[in-house]
């Protein structure tokens, strides 16, 4: 009876922690979408909201870490359950970093308003951010459903984010060489592109945690393909 009670308490505590993870994930998805929209529309008010709302993401990460620490200390989970608790903390850390990158994107909006505009760049960055947001949504679904196949699919989709970044990087170099007035705005735009690419890396890390929970091991290097070449016809700014 006592063992059943402990297991029931663990499951209840874990359910609460995972509810907070989903809340945090929802806030981060919203931050990505709003930050990219504020960039495309040069909407300083929306950008400021993204920056202010990041505090809620940070607080949730702290709460999740505290809950997981108590869960481990009080419930003494067995190997499988301990794996879940540890994965939750790592997922929370990755979500917090994605939120920071979204906040940094929003910070650039006010700066870019006063600089020469690079045709098509803001729209291309918004499309890239949208792909990252969709990946994150699927990564969270994979976690809830314990779907390792979907998680592996996310690892493969990160290739497209890398290709989009590489294409944008080369486009920005071209714009800077064509007109020195483009150097400053393109540097800021490149910073945003790199941050968005890093968001994708953190989404991939979340997917890896799903695989760890379901299969009991991290994916090997073959499951994390990387490549530097790209098809420029797929990712023009226009």
Protein backbone atom coordinates (compact mmCIF):
# COMPACT_ATOMS: atom_id res chain seq x y z
CA UNK A 1 0.00 0.00 0.00
CA UNK A 2 2.78 2.41 0.94
CA UNK A 3 4.65 1.71 -2.32
CA UNK A 4 1.47 2.35 -4.32
CA UNK A 5 0.97 5.59 -2.46
CA UNK A 6 4.53 6.72 -3.27
CA UNK A 7 4.07 5.85 -6.94
CA UNK A 8 0.77 7.72 -7.04
CA UNK A 9 2.35 10.78 -5.41
CA UNK A 10 5.24 10.69 -7.88
CA UNK A 11 2.88 10.51 -10.84
CA UNK A 12 0.83 13.40 -9.48
CA UNK A 13 3.90 15.56 -8.90
CA UNK A 14 5.31 14.69 -12.32
CA UNK A 15 2.03 15.57 -14.02
CA UNK A 16 2.15 19.01 -12.41
CA UNK A 17 5.73 19.58 -13.55
CA UNK A 18 4.91 18.50 -17.09
CA UNK A 19 1.92 20.83 -17.12
CA UNK A 20 4.29 23.68 -16.33
CA UNK A 21 6.61 22.53 -19.15
CA UNK A 22 3.71 22.77 -21.60
CA UNK A 23 2.83 26.23 -20.27
CA UNK A 24 6.42 27.32 -20.69
CA UNK A 25 6.56 25.86 -24.18
CA UNK A 26 3.42 27.75 -25.17
CA UNK A 27 4.91 31.03 -23.95
CA UNK A 28 8.12 30.38 -25.88
CA UNK A 29 6.24 29.57 -29.09
CA UNK A 30 4.30 32.80 -28.70
CA UNK A 31 7.53 34.72 -28.11
CA UNK A 32 9.05 33.36 -31.34
CA UNK A 33 6.00 34.29 -33.39
CA UNK A 34 5.59 37.75 -31.85
CA UNK A 35 9.28 38.58 -32.09
CA UNK A 36 9.42 37.65 -35.77
CA UNK A 37 6.20 39.53 -36.48
CA UNK A 38 7.47 42.62 -34.68
CA UNK A 39 10.61 42.41 -36.80
CA UNK A 40 8.77 42.10 -40.10
CA UNK A 41 6.33 44.87 -39.26
CA UNK A 42 8.89 46.95 -37.34
CA UNK A 43 6.36 47.06 -34.50
CA UNK A 44 8.21 48.43 -31.51
CA UNK A 45 5.24 48.02 -29.14
CA UNK A 46 4.98 44.30 -29.88
CA UNK A 47 8.75 43.93 -29.56
CA UNK A 48 8.61 45.53 -26.12
CA UNK A 49 5.90 43.08 -25.07
CA UNK A 50 8.12 40.15 -26.09
CA UNK A 51 10.92 41.55 -23.97
CA UNK A 52 8.67 42.06 -20.95
CA UNK A 53 6.97 38.67 -21.24
CA UNK A 54 10.33 36.90 -21.11
CA UNK A 55 10.23 37.33 -17.33
CA UNK A 56 7.34 34.84 -17.14
CA UNK A 57 9.40 32.27 -19.07
CA UNK A 58 12.33 32.71 -16.70
CA UNK A 59 10.11 32.32 -13.64
CA UNK A 60 8.59 29.12 -15.01
CA UNK A 61 12.04 27.64 -15.56
CA UNK A 62 12.94 28.38 -11.94
CA UNK A 63 9.68 26.83 -10.74
CA UNK A 64 10.17 23.70 -12.84
CA UNK A 65 13.73 23.22 -11.57
CA UNK A 66 12.57 23.60 -7.97
CA UNK A 67 9.74 21.13 -8.49
CA UNK A 68 12.05 18.59 -10.11
CA UNK A 69 14.60 18.91 -7.32
CA UNK A 70 11.89 18.28 -4.72
CA UNK A 71 10.51 15.42 -6.78
CA UNK A 72 13.89 13.69 -6.87
CA UNK A 73 14.65 14.37 -3.21
CA UNK A 74 11.26 13.32 -1.79
CA UNK A 75 10.16 10.53 -4.15
CA UNK A 76 13.50 8.81 -4.88
CA UNK A 77 12.39 7.85 -8.40
CA UNK A 78 13.63 4.66 -10.04
CA UNK A 79 15.79 4.76 -13.18
CA UNK A 80 13.00 5.34 -15.72
CA UNK A 81 11.23 7.95 -13.64
CA UNK A 82 14.51 9.65 -12.79
CA UNK A 83 15.22 9.90 -16.51
CA UNK A 84 11.93 11.72 -16.99
CA UNK A 85 12.60 14.15 -14.14
CA UNK A 86 16.07 14.98 -15.43
CA UNK A 87 14.79 15.41 -18.98
CA UNK A 88 12.19 17.91 -17.79
CA UNK A 89 14.91 20.10 -16.27
CA UNK A 90 16.94 20.00 -19.47
CA UNK A 91 13.90 20.78 -21.61
CA UNK A 92 13.11 23.74 -19.37
CA UNK A 93 16.68 25.01 -19.80
CA UNK A 94 16.44 24.76 -23.58
CA UNK A 95 13.09 26.54 -23.61
CA UNK A 96 14.55 29.35 -21.52
CA UNK A 97 17.40 29.80 -24.01
CA UNK A 98 14.98 29.89 -26.94
CA UNK A 99 13.01 32.55 -25.11
CA UNK A 100 16.19 34.57 -24.67
CA UNK A 101 16.91 34.39 -28.39
CA UNK A 102 13.37 35.56 -29.15
CA UNK A 103 13.87 38.45 -26.74
CA UNK A 104 17.14 39.36 -28.46
CA UNK A 105 15.36 39.34 -31.82
CA UNK A 106 12.81 41.77 -30.42
CA UNK A 107 15.59 44.04 -29.14
CA UNK A 108 16.84 44.52 -32.71
CA UNK A 109 13.49 45.86 -33.95
CA UNK A 110 13.98 49.37 -32.57
CA UNK A 111 17.51 49.52 -34.00
CA UNK A 112 16.46 48.38 -37.46
CA UNK A 113 13.70 50.98 -37.67
CA UNK A 114 16.31 53.71 -38.08
CA UNK A 115 18.50 51.89 -40.60
CA UNK A 116 18.26 51.33 -44.38
CA UNK A 117 15.92 48.46 -45.16
CA UNK A 118 17.26 45.31 -46.83
CA UNK A 119 14.63 44.12 -49.29
CA UNK A 120 13.03 40.80 -48.37
CA UNK A 121 15.25 40.17 -45.35
CA UNK A 122 12.68 40.63 -42.61
CA UNK A 123 10.18 38.37 -44.37
CA UNK A 124 12.81 35.67 -44.85
CA UNK A 125 13.74 35.81 -41.18
CA UNK A 126 10.09 35.55 -40.19
CA UNK A 127 9.70 32.43 -42.34
CA UNK A 128 12.77 30.91 -40.72
CA UNK A 129 11.41 31.69 -37.24
CA UNK A 130 8.07 30.17 -38.19
CA UNK A 131 9.78 26.90 -39.13
CA UNK A 132 11.55 26.85 -35.77
CA UNK A 133 8.25 27.47 -33.98
CA UNK A 134 6.62 24.57 -35.84
CA UNK A 135 9.54 22.33 -34.91
CA UNK A 136 9.16 23.34 -31.27
CA UNK A 137 5.44 22.61 -31.34
CA UNK A 138 6.15 19.13 -32.69
CA UNK A 139 8.95 18.58 -30.16
CA UNK A 140 6.57 19.33 -27.30
CA UNK A 141 3.93 17.05 -28.83
CA UNK A 142 6.56 14.32 -29.16
CA UNK A 143 7.38 14.70 -25.48
CA UNK A 144 3.76 14.47 -24.36
CA UNK A 145 3.05 11.51 -26.65
CA UNK A 146 6.43 9.84 -25.98
CA UNK A 147 6.85 9.71 -29.77
CA UNK A 148 10.51 9.06 -30.58
CA UNK A 149 9.80 8.75 -34.31
CA UNK A 150 8.53 12.34 -34.39
CA UNK A 151 11.57 13.38 -32.36
CA UNK A 152 13.94 11.83 -34.91
CA UNK A 153 12.04 13.67 -37.64
CA UNK A 154 12.74 16.95 -35.85
CA UNK A 155 16.47 16.20 -35.86
CA UNK A 156 16.32 15.84 -39.63
CA UNK A 157 14.26 19.01 -40.07
CA UNK A 158 16.96 21.03 -38.35
CA UNK A 159 18.93 20.64 -41.59
CA UNK A 160 16.50 22.99 -43.31
CA UNK A 161 17.02 25.63 -40.63
CA UNK A 162 20.78 25.35 -41.16
CA UNK A 163 20.32 25.71 -44.91
CA UNK A 164 18.11 28.76 -44.47
CA UNK A 165 20.73 30.34 -42.24
CA UNK A 166 23.55 29.60 -44.70
CA UNK A 167 21.54 31.08 -47.55
CA UNK A 168 20.74 34.23 -45.58
CA UNK A 169 24.35 34.63 -44.52
CA UNK A 170 25.48 34.61 -48.15
CA UNK A 171 22.68 36.98 -49.16
CA UNK A 172 23.70 39.44 -46.46
CA UNK A 173 27.32 39.30 -47.61
CA UNK A 174 26.19 40.09 -51.14
CA UNK A 175 24.13 43.07 -49.99
CA UNK A 176 27.05 44.43 -47.96
CA UNK A 177 29.45 44.15 -50.89
CA UNK A 178 26.99 45.85 -53.23
CA UNK A 179 26.36 48.86 -51.01
CA UNK A 180 28.35 49.89 -47.89
CA UNK A 181 25.16 51.45 -46.48
CA UNK A 182 23.84 47.92 -46.04
CA UNK A 183 26.68 46.86 -43.75
CA UNK A 184 25.13 47.95 -40.44
CA UNK A 185 21.59 46.66 -41.06
CA UNK A 186 22.94 43.39 -42.48
CA UNK A 187 25.10 42.87 -39.41
CA UNK A 188 22.01 43.19 -37.22
CA UNK A 189 20.00 40.94 -39.53
CA UNK A 190 22.76 38.35 -39.49
CA UNK A 191 22.76 38.43 -35.70
CA UNK A 192 19.01 37.65 -35.78
CA UNK A 193 19.51 34.86 -38.33
CA UNK A 194 22.22 33.26 -36.20
CA UNK A 195 20.04 33.48 -33.10
CA UNK A 196 17.19 31.83 -34.98
CA UNK A 197 19.52 29.05 -36.12
CA UNK A 198 20.52 28.57 -32.48
CA UNK A 199 16.83 28.32 -31.54
CA UNK A 200 16.64 25.38 -33.92
CA UNK A 201 19.60 23.77 -32.17
CA UNK A 202 17.82 24.05 -28.82
CA UNK A 203 14.63 22.57 -30.29
CA UNK A 204 16.78 19.70 -31.52
CA UNK A 205 18.13 19.28 -27.99
CA UNK A 206 14.55 18.99 -26.73
CA UNK A 207 13.85 16.32 -29.33
CA UNK A 208 16.95 14.46 -28.15
CA UNK A 209 15.53 14.46 -24.62
CA UNK A 210 12.36 12.85 -25.95
CA UNK A 211 14.47 10.07 -27.46
CA UNK A 212 16.36 9.74 -24.17
CA UNK A 213 13.11 9.34 -22.22
CA UNK A 214 11.55 6.86 -24.65
CA UNK A 215 14.59 4.78 -25.62
CA UNK A 216 16.86 5.21 -22.62
CA UNK A 217 19.77 6.66 -24.59
CA UNK A 218 20.73 9.79 -26.49
CA UNK A 219 20.66 9.59 -30.32
CA UNK A 220 23.97 8.83 -31.99
CA UNK A 221 25.78 11.18 -34.36
CA UNK A 222 24.18 9.59 -37.42
CA UNK A 223 20.78 10.72 -36.18
CA UNK A 224 22.00 14.34 -36.10
CA UNK A 225 22.97 14.98 -39.73
CA UNK A 226 24.60 18.32 -40.52
CA UNK A 227 25.58 19.81 -43.83
CA UNK A 228 26.82 23.17 -45.04
CA UNK A 229 25.72 23.10 -48.67
CA UNK A 230 22.37 24.57 -49.67
CA UNK A 231 20.15 25.24 -52.67
CA UNK A 232 20.01 29.03 -53.03
CA UNK A 233 16.94 28.80 -55.24
CA UNK A 234 14.92 27.65 -52.23
CA UNK A 235 15.83 30.49 -49.89
CA UNK A 236 16.05 33.80 -51.73
CA UNK A 237 15.09 36.89 -49.76
CA UNK A 238 12.50 38.04 -52.26
